[in-house]
Amino acid sequence: MELADHPDAGTSGPRLGRWWSRAEAALLAQRGQLLSWAPVALGTGIGIYFALPVEPETSAWTMLGIAVILLLLTSRAVAPALAPLLLGLALVGAGAGLAGWRAWAVAAPVLDFRYYGPVEGRILGIDRSASDALRLTLDHVVLEDVPPERTPASVRVSLRGDQRWLVPEPGRVVILTGNLSPPSGPPEPGDFDFRRAAWFEGLGATGWTETPVLAKAPSEGASGSTAYAPASARGSGPASTATPAVSRRR
């Protein structure tokens, strides 16, 4: 049977025209409210970025940038009803680009092995874990036998055992013997991804310690050397020196 003999052959064009006319009228009716759709488009692009299974290559970001520019330029030359659609697509691409840029801007070393040994750092934050254990977030971290370029910018350590002599204060430099590991991912698909949250917080390792947390203090009598004193001993006469039990990384 010839295409012209098909009963719908002569009506597909008018139907498409009527559908487009209705869509055009709906888009034009939204012109006064298009700004409220901008966060939706940006959020869609951000969501697409976080749904990607792997980080895009540099070439992919370059092509995305070119596509966003072309969409913006093309939106100025098309019919008024089509321009919002192209602008929306450009905002989706911009949202994905912003999310990727933010992930790059906060990039910091993440521990890629299990570490057990001495940990030195400055107290940046103090809170409690889900088990109500005191927890310290440390920056200016120093790990034994770990080069600076592989050392996390900050770590979070839960304190176990008897720590009653510790007076945690932001800005105080402390030393401890801890177990550290990389931030863990979601336990099940769709669960909270702590590893992703830790990335954007600059948190490169988490762990715990059962040894006393000691405040680092200058040693008396020997210039250039250091000793470690319990926080309660600070400011109450000569500090008694103590050395925490340390073990090398394994």
C-alpha atoms as a PDB file:
ATOM      1  CA  MET A   1       0.000   0.000   0.000  1.00  0.00           C
ATOM      2  CA  GLU A   2       1.320   3.418  -0.908  1.00  0.00           C
ATOM      3  CA  LEU A   3       2.211   5.807   1.933  1.00  0.00           C
ATOM      4  CA  ALA A   4      -0.247   8.330   0.547  1.00  0.00           C
ATOM      5  CA  ASP A   5      -3.026   5.758   0.903  1.00  0.00           C
ATOM      6  CA  HIS A   6      -2.427   5.363   4.649  1.00  0.00           C
ATOM      7  CA  PRO A   7      -5.325   6.928   6.572  1.00  0.00           C
ATOM      8  CA  ASP A   8      -2.956   8.890   8.887  1.00  0.00           C
ATOM      9  CA  ALA A   9      -0.564  10.034   6.163  1.00  0.00           C
ATOM     10  CA  GLY A  10      -2.329  13.323   5.607  1.00  0.00           C
ATOM     11  CA  THR A  11      -2.994  14.094   9.260  1.00  0.00           C
ATOM     12  CA  SER A  12       0.460  13.601  10.847  1.00  0.00           C
ATOM     13  CA  GLY A  13       1.623  17.034   9.703  1.00  0.00           C
ATOM     14  CA  PRO A  14      -1.368  18.952  11.077  1.00  0.00           C
ATOM     15  CA  ARG A  15      -1.230  16.972  14.320  1.00  0.00           C
ATOM     16  CA  LEU A  16       2.424  17.846  14.779  1.00  0.00           C
ATOM     17  CA  GLY A  17       1.646  21.456  14.008  1.00  0.00           C
ATOM     18  CA  ARG A  18      -1.147  21.538  16.596  1.00  0.00           C
ATOM     19  CA  TRP A  19       1.120  19.912  19.199  1.00  0.00           C
ATOM     20  CA  TRP A  20       3.847  22.461  18.561  1.00  0.00           C
ATOM     21  CA  SER A  21       1.371  25.334  18.693  1.00  0.00           C
ATOM     22  CA  ARG A  22       0.185  24.181  22.118  1.00  0.00           C
ATOM     23  CA  ALA A  23       3.760  23.709  23.374  1.00  0.00           C
ATOM     24  CA  GLU A  24       4.716  27.123  22.035  1.00  0.00           C
ATOM     25  CA  ALA A  25       1.754  28.739  23.758  1.00  0.00           C
ATOM     26  CA  ALA A  26       2.651  27.030  27.054  1.00  0.00           C
ATOM     27  CA  LEU A  27       6.270  28.156  26.816  1.00  0.00           C
ATOM     28  CA  LEU A  28       5.291  31.711  25.986  1.00  0.00           C
ATOM     29  CA  ALA A  29       2.899  31.728  28.939  1.00  0.00           C
ATOM     30  CA  GLN A  30       5.848  30.918  31.221  1.00  0.00           C
ATOM     31  CA  ARG A  31       8.046  33.779  30.039  1.00  0.00           C
ATOM     32  CA  GLY A  32       7.265  35.853  33.117  1.00  0.00           C
ATOM     33  CA  GLN A  33       8.243  32.987  35.418  1.00  0.00           C
ATOM     34  CA  LEU A  34      11.290  31.544  33.669  1.00  0.00           C
ATOM     35  CA  LEU A  35      13.722  32.798  36.316  1.00  0.00           C
ATOM     36  CA  SER A  36      12.220  30.414  38.864  1.00  0.00           C
ATOM     37  CA  TRP A  37      13.189  27.503  36.601  1.00  0.00           C
ATOM     38  CA  ALA A  38      16.882  28.435  36.662  1.00  0.00           C
ATOM     39  CA  PRO A  39      17.594  26.715  40.026  1.00  0.00           C
ATOM     40  CA  VAL A  40      15.759  23.635  38.755  1.00  0.00           C
ATOM     41  CA  ALA A  41      17.982  23.458  35.676  1.00  0.00           C
ATOM     42  CA  LEU A  42      21.155  24.062  37.688  1.00  0.00           C
ATOM     43  CA  GLY A  43      20.131  21.440  40.241  1.00  0.00           C
ATOM     44  CA  THR A  44      19.434  18.961  37.473  1.00  0.00           C
ATOM     45  CA  GLY A  45      22.958  19.442  36.133  1.00  0.00           C
ATOM     46  CA  ILE A  46      24.445  19.028  39.613  1.00  0.00           C
ATOM     47  CA  GLY A  47      22.445  15.830  40.097  1.00  0.00           C
ATOM     48  CA  ILE A  48      23.642  14.486  36.754  1.00  0.00           C
ATOM     49  CA  TYR A  49      27.252  15.098  37.786  1.00  0.00           C
ATOM     50  CA  PHE A  50      26.866  13.201  41.052  1.00  0.00           C
ATOM     51  CA  ALA A  51      25.140  10.340  39.231  1.00  0.00           C
ATOM     52  CA  LEU A  52      28.130   9.790  36.947  1.00  0.00           C
ATOM     53  CA  PRO A  53      29.956   6.522  37.695  1.00  0.00           C
ATOM     54  CA  VAL A  54      33.416   8.039  37.054  1.00  0.00           C
ATOM     55  CA  GLU A  55      34.952  11.501  37.002  1.00  0.00           C
ATOM     56  CA  PRO A  56      34.824  12.965  33.453  1.00  0.00           C
ATOM     57  CA  GLU A  57      38.063  13.503  31.579  1.00  0.00           C
ATOM     58  CA  THR A  58      39.321  16.978  30.753  1.00  0.00           C
ATOM     59  CA  SER A  59      38.185  16.568  27.155  1.00  0.00           C
ATOM     60  CA  ALA A  60      34.615  15.923  28.333  1.00  0.00           C
ATOM     61  CA  TRP A  61      34.631  19.151  30.356  1.00  0.00           C
ATOM     62  CA  THR A  62      35.972  21.038  27.335  1.00  0.00           C
ATOM     63  CA  MET A  63      33.183  19.725  25.112  1.00  0.00           C
ATOM     64  CA  LEU A  64      30.615  20.569  27.778  1.00  0.00           C
ATOM     65  CA  GLY A  65      31.880  24.144  27.936  1.00  0.00           C
ATOM     66  CA  ILE A  66      31.705  24.504  24.159  1.00  0.00           C
ATOM     67  CA  ALA A  67      28.163  23.065  24.146  1.00  0.00           C
ATOM     68  CA  VAL A  68      27.019  25.535  26.818  1.00  0.00           C
ATOM     69  CA  ILE A  69      28.438  28.472  24.838  1.00  0.00           C
ATOM     70  CA  LEU A  70      26.791  27.263  21.610  1.00  0.00           C
ATOM     71  CA  LEU A  71      23.443  26.869  23.368  1.00  0.00           C
ATOM     72  CA  LEU A  72      23.670  30.408  24.756  1.00  0.00           C
ATOM     73  CA  LEU A  73      24.540  31.849  21.343  1.00  0.00           C
ATOM     74  CA  THR A  74      21.868  29.842  19.540  1.00  0.00           C
ATOM     75  CA  SER A  75      19.194  30.927  22.026  1.00  0.00           C
ATOM     76  CA  ARG A  76      19.530  34.492  20.713  1.00  0.00           C
ATOM     77  CA  ALA A  77      18.773  33.459  17.140  1.00  0.00           C
ATOM     78  CA  VAL A  78      15.802  31.096  17.495  1.00  0.00           C
ATOM     79  CA  ALA A  79      12.094  31.647  17.970  1.00  0.00           C
ATOM     80  CA  PRO A  80      11.106  33.173  21.351  1.00  0.00           C
ATOM     81  CA  ALA A  81       9.423  29.927  22.388  1.00  0.00           C
ATOM     82  CA  LEU A  82      12.590  27.873  21.765  1.00  0.00           C
ATOM     83  CA  ALA A  83      15.006  30.226  23.531  1.00  0.00           C
ATOM     84  CA  PRO A  84      13.975  29.173  27.086  1.00  0.00           C
ATOM     85  CA  LEU A  85      14.537  25.509  26.215  1.00  0.00           C
ATOM     86  CA  LEU A  86      18.056  26.193  24.978  1.00  0.00           C
ATOM     87  CA  LEU A  87      18.808  28.386  27.980  1.00  0.00           C
ATOM     88  CA  GLY A  88      17.536  25.635  30.261  1.00  0.00           C
ATOM     89  CA  LEU A  89      19.846  23.102  28.618  1.00  0.00           C
ATOM     90  CA  ALA A  90      22.732  25.539  28.984  1.00  0.00           C
ATOM     91  CA  LEU A  91      21.959  25.896  32.701  1.00  0.00           C
ATOM     92  CA  VAL A  92      21.894  22.104  33.080  1.00  0.00           C
ATOM     93  CA  GLY A  93      25.364  21.952  31.568  1.00  0.00           C
ATOM     94  CA  ALA A  94      26.489  24.858  33.754  1.00  0.00           C
ATOM     95  CA  GLY A  95      25.206  23.036  36.861  1.00  0.00           C
ATOM     96  CA  ALA A  96      27.245  19.960  36.012  1.00  0.00           C
ATOM     97  CA  GLY A  97      30.267  22.154  35.377  1.00  0.00           C
ATOM     98  CA  LEU A  98      29.871  23.989  38.685  1.00  0.00           C
ATOM     99  CA  ALA A  99      29.661  20.708  40.593  1.00  0.00           C
ATOM    100  CA  GLY A 100      32.776  19.417  38.850  1.00  0.00           C
ATOM    101  CA  TRP A 101      34.643  22.650  39.548  1.00  0.00           C
ATOM    102  CA  ARG A 102      33.704  22.529  43.231  1.00  0.00           C
ATOM    103  CA  ALA A 103      34.886  18.926  43.504  1.00  0.00           C
ATOM    104  CA  TRP A 104      38.199  19.969  41.958  1.00  0.00           C
ATOM    105  CA  ALA A 105      38.543  23.114  44.119  1.00  0.00           C
ATOM    106  CA  VAL A 106      38.265  21.204  47.415  1.00  0.00           C
ATOM    107  CA  ALA A 107      40.499  18.327  46.317  1.00  0.00           C
ATOM    108  CA  ALA A 108      42.905  17.220  49.047  1.00  0.00           C
ATOM    109  CA  PRO A 109      44.941  14.063  49.707  1.00  0.00           C
ATOM    110  CA  VAL A 110      42.936  11.062  50.910  1.00  0.00           C
ATOM    111  CA  LEU A 111      44.581   8.241  52.814  1.00  0.00           C
ATOM    112  CA  ASP A 112      44.629   5.164  50.559  1.00  0.00           C
ATOM    113  CA  PHE A 113      45.748   2.584  53.115  1.00  0.00           C
ATOM    114  CA  ARG A 114      45.175   1.626  56.739  1.00  0.00           C
ATOM    115  CA  TYR A 115      47.555   3.460  59.038  1.00  0.00           C
ATOM    116  CA  TYR A 116      48.532   2.676  62.616  1.00  0.00           C
ATOM    117  CA  GLY A 117      51.052   4.906  64.331  1.00  0.00           C
ATOM    118  CA  PRO A 118      51.686   8.356  65.745  1.00  0.00           C
ATOM    119  CA  VAL A 119      49.402  11.161  64.620  1.00  0.00           C
ATOM    120  CA  GLU A 120      50.120  14.810  65.257  1.00  0.00           C
ATOM    121  CA  GLY A 121      47.722  17.631  64.444  1.00  0.00           C
ATOM    122  CA  ARG A 122      46.042  20.823  65.523  1.00  0.00           C
ATOM    123  CA  ILE A 123      42.520  20.580  66.928  1.00  0.00           C
ATOM    124  CA  LEU A 124      40.185  22.090  64.351  1.00  0.00           C
ATOM    125  CA  GLY A 125      36.819  20.820  65.632  1.00  0.00           C
ATOM    126  CA  ILE A 126      35.360  19.001  68.614  1.00  0.00           C
ATOM    127  CA  ASP A 127      32.161  16.955  68.553  1.00  0.00           C
ATOM    128  CA  ARG A 128      30.802  13.547  69.478  1.00  0.00           C
ATOM    129  CA  SER A 129      30.261  10.447  67.393  1.00  0.00           C
ATOM    130  CA  ALA A 130      27.040   8.458  67.113  1.00  0.00           C
ATOM    131  CA  SER A 131      28.263   6.351  70.061  1.00  0.00           C
ATOM    132  CA  ASP A 132      28.751   9.561  72.114  1.00  0.00           C
ATOM    133  CA  ALA A 133      32.541   9.231  72.028  1.00  0.00           C
ATOM    134  CA  LEU A 134      34.507  12.465  72.037  1.00  0.00           C
ATOM    135  CA  ARG A 135      35.808  13.151  68.544  1.00  0.00           C
ATOM    136  CA  LEU A 136      38.531  15.490  67.345  1.00  0.00           C
ATOM    137  CA  THR A 137      39.022  16.858  63.852  1.00  0.00           C
ATOM    138  CA  LEU A 138      42.694  17.665  63.290  1.00  0.00           C
ATOM    139  CA  ASP A 139      44.436  19.690  60.618  1.00  0.00           C
ATOM    140  CA  HIS A 140      48.158  20.365  60.065  1.00  0.00           C
ATOM    141  CA  VAL A 141      48.429  16.590  60.227  1.00  0.00           C
ATOM    142  CA  VAL A 142      51.757  14.765  60.489  1.00  0.00           C
ATOM    143  CA  LEU A 143      51.893  10.975  60.019  1.00  0.00           C
ATOM    144  CA  GLU A 144      55.027   8.918  60.485  1.00  0.00           C
ATOM    145  CA  ASP A 145      56.701   7.791  57.239  1.00  0.00           C
ATOM    146  CA  VAL A 146      53.976   9.449  55.142  1.00  0.00           C
ATOM    147  CA  PRO A 147      55.195  12.257  52.835  1.00  0.00           C
ATOM    148  CA  PRO A 148      53.342  15.584  52.992  1.00  0.00           C
ATOM    149  CA  GLU A 149      51.866  15.173  49.508  1.00  0.00           C
ATOM    150  CA  ARG A 150      50.113  11.974  50.656  1.00  0.00           C
ATOM    151  CA  THR A 151      49.133  13.231  54.113  1.00  0.00           C
ATOM    152  CA  PRO A 152      45.446  14.172  54.492  1.00  0.00           C
ATOM    153  CA  ALA A 153      44.691  17.832  55.078  1.00  0.00           C
ATOM    154  CA  SER A 154      42.502  16.850  58.033  1.00  0.00           C
ATOM    155  CA  VAL A 155      41.556  13.691  59.910  1.00  0.00           C
ATOM    156  CA  ARG A 156      38.803  12.842  62.392  1.00  0.00           C
ATOM    157  CA  VAL A 157      39.635  10.662  65.381  1.00  0.00           C
ATOM    158  CA  SER A 158      37.252   9.199  67.966  1.00  0.00           C
ATOM    159  CA  LEU A 159      38.705   8.969  71.468  1.00  0.00           C
ATOM    160  CA  ARG A 160      38.258   5.744  73.380  1.00  0.00           C
ATOM    161  CA  GLY A 161      39.452   4.694  76.784  1.00  0.00           C
ATOM    162  CA  ASP A 162      40.315   6.977  79.673  1.00  0.00           C
ATOM    163  CA  GLN A 163      40.818  10.524  78.426  1.00  0.00           C
ATOM    164  CA  ARG A 164      39.752  12.433  81.532  1.00  0.00           C
ATOM    165  CA  TRP A 165      42.972  14.480  81.692  1.00  0.00           C
ATOM    166  CA  LEU A 166      42.448  15.843  78.203  1.00  0.00           C
ATOM    167  CA  VAL A 167      41.152  19.409  77.919  1.00  0.00           C
ATOM    168  CA  PRO A 168      40.421  19.730  74.189  1.00  0.00           C
ATOM    169  CA  GLU A 169      40.641  23.260  72.869  1.00  0.00           C
ATOM    170  CA  PRO A 170      40.539  24.410  69.242  1.00  0.00           C
ATOM    171  CA  GLY A 171      44.012  25.393  68.121  1.00  0.00           C
ATOM    172  CA  ARG A 172      45.875  23.095  70.531  1.00  0.00           C
ATOM    173  CA  VAL A 173      48.421  20.761  68.938  1.00  0.00           C
ATOM    174  CA  VAL A 174      48.080  17.191  70.170  1.00  0.00           C
ATOM    175  CA  ILE A 175      49.747  13.862  69.516  1.00  0.00           C
ATOM    176  CA  LEU A 176      48.288  10.383  69.778  1.00  0.00           C
ATOM    177  CA  THR A 177      48.682   6.858  68.498  1.00  0.00           C
ATOM    178  CA  GLY A 178      45.775   6.142  66.199  1.00  0.00           C
ATOM    179  CA  ASN A 179      44.218   3.779  63.707  1.00  0.00           C
ATOM    180  CA  LEU A 180      43.274   5.626  60.523  1.00  0.00           C
ATOM    181  CA  SER A 181      41.605   4.479  57.337  1.00  0.00           C
ATOM    182  CA  PRO A 182      40.101   6.123  54.252  1.00  0.00           C
ATOM    183  CA  PRO A 183      36.527   7.464  54.570  1.00  0.00           C
ATOM    184  CA  SER A 184      34.082   4.661  53.816  1.00  0.00           C
ATOM    185  CA  GLY A 185      31.513   4.657  51.042  1.00  0.00           C
ATOM    186  CA  PRO A 186      27.807   3.826  51.360  1.00  0.00           C
ATOM    187  CA  PRO A 187      27.137   0.422  52.966  1.00  0.00           C
ATOM    188  CA  GLU A 188      24.373  -0.221  50.440  1.00  0.00           C
ATOM    189  CA  PRO A 189      23.465   1.322  47.085  1.00  0.00           C
ATOM    190  CA  GLY A 190      21.472   4.487  47.655  1.00  0.00           C
ATOM    191  CA  ASP A 191      22.597   4.936  51.277  1.00  0.00           C
ATOM    192  CA  PHE A 192      24.371   8.028  52.564  1.00  0.00           C
ATOM    193  CA  ASP A 193      27.780   8.348  50.922  1.00  0.00           C
ATOM    194  CA  PHE A 194      30.082   9.490  53.715  1.00  0.00           C
ATOM    195  CA  ARG A 195      33.095   9.263  51.422  1.00  0.00           C
ATOM    196  CA  ARG A 196      31.603  11.918  49.146  1.00  0.00           C
ATOM    197  CA  ALA A 197      30.682  14.159  52.078  1.00  0.00           C
ATOM    198  CA  ALA A 198      34.190  13.776  53.504  1.00  0.00           C
ATOM    199  CA  TRP A 199      35.696  14.797  50.162  1.00  0.00           C
ATOM    200  CA  PHE A 200      33.862  18.123  50.190  1.00  0.00           C
ATOM    201  CA  GLU A 201      34.813  18.655  53.846  1.00  0.00           C
ATOM    202  CA  GLY A 202      38.483  18.076  53.059  1.00  0.00           C
ATOM    203  CA  LEU A 203      38.494  15.077  55.395  1.00  0.00           C
ATOM    204  CA  GLY A 204      41.094  12.574  54.243  1.00  0.00           C
ATOM    205  CA  ALA A 205      40.904   9.891  56.940  1.00  0.00           C
ATOM    206  CA  THR A 206      38.896   8.795  59.955  1.00  0.00           C
ATOM    207  CA  GLY A 207      39.792   6.538  62.833  1.00  0.00           C
ATOM    208  CA  TRP A 208      40.103   6.075  66.554  1.00  0.00           C
ATOM    209  CA  THR A 209      42.582   5.877  69.383  1.00  0.00           C
ATOM    210  CA  GLU A 210      42.655   4.102  72.711  1.00  0.00           C
ATOM    211  CA  THR A 211      45.901   5.713  73.893  1.00  0.00           C
ATOM    212  CA  PRO A 212      46.092   8.976  75.846  1.00  0.00           C
ATOM    213  CA  VAL A 213      45.861  12.095  73.723  1.00  0.00           C
ATOM    214  CA  LEU A 214      48.715  14.373  74.775  1.00  0.00           C
ATOM    215  CA  ALA A 215      49.205  18.094  74.246  1.00  0.00           C
ATOM    216  CA  LYS A 216      52.449  18.924  72.521  1.00  0.00           C
ATOM    217  CA  ALA A 217      54.618  21.268  74.608  1.00  0.00           C
ATOM    218  CA  PRO A 218      58.149  22.680  74.260  1.00  0.00           C
ATOM    219  CA  SER A 219      60.694  20.695  76.220  1.00  0.00           C
ATOM    220  CA  GLU A 220      62.327  22.468  79.143  1.00  0.00           C
ATOM    221  CA  GLY A 221      66.093  22.532  79.210  1.00  0.00           C
ATOM    222  CA  ALA A 222      66.845  21.301  75.677  1.00  0.00           C
ATOM    223  CA  SER A 223      66.377  23.915  72.993  1.00  0.00           C
ATOM    224  CA  GLY A 224      65.011  22.674  69.714  1.00  0.00           C
ATOM    225  CA  SER A 225      63.624  19.454  71.201  1.00  0.00           C
ATOM    226  CA  THR A 226      60.055  18.756  72.173  1.00  0.00           C
ATOM    227  CA  ALA A 227      58.270  16.732  74.797  1.00  0.00           C
ATOM    228  CA  TYR A 228      54.672  15.727  75.208  1.00  0.00           C
ATOM    229  CA  ALA A 229      52.642  16.540  78.304  1.00  0.00           C
ATOM    230  CA  PRO A 230      49.053  15.793  79.324  1.00  0.00           C
ATOM    231  CA  ALA A 231      46.800  18.779  78.736  1.00  0.00           C
ATOM    232  CA  SER A 232      46.008  19.035  82.445  1.00  0.00           C
ATOM    233  CA  ALA A 233      49.674  19.640  83.194  1.00  0.00           C
ATOM    234  CA  ARG A 234      49.853  22.715  80.983  1.00  0.00           C
ATOM    235  CA  GLY A 235      50.082  25.935  82.937  1.00  0.00           C
ATOM    236  CA  SER A 236      50.428  24.250  86.363  1.00  0.00           C
ATOM    237  CA  GLY A 237      54.170  24.379  87.013  1.00  0.00           C
ATOM    238  CA  PRO A 238      56.848  22.403  85.209  1.00  0.00           C
ATOM    239  CA  ALA A 239      55.340  20.047  82.689  1.00  0.00           C
ATOM    240  CA  SER A 240      56.086  16.414  83.275  1.00  0.00           C
ATOM    241  CA  THR A 241      57.366  14.824  80.114  1.00  0.00           C
ATOM    242  CA  ALA A 242      55.807  11.712  78.699  1.00  0.00           C
ATOM    243  CA  THR A 243      56.188   9.802  75.494  1.00  0.00           C
ATOM    244  CA  PRO A 244      53.177   7.976  74.071  1.00  0.00           C
ATOM    245  CA  ALA A 245      53.510   4.411  72.931  1.00  0.00           C
ATOM    246  CA  VAL A 246      54.106   4.570  69.221  1.00  0.00           C
ATOM    247  CA  SER A 247      54.096   1.922  66.557  1.00  0.00           C
ATOM    248  CA  ARG A 248      55.117   2.213  62.975  1.00  0.00           C
ATOM    249  CA  ARG A 249      52.696   1.937  60.123  1.00  0.00           C
ATOM    250  CA  ARG A 250      51.744  -1.588  59.219  1.00  0.00           C
END
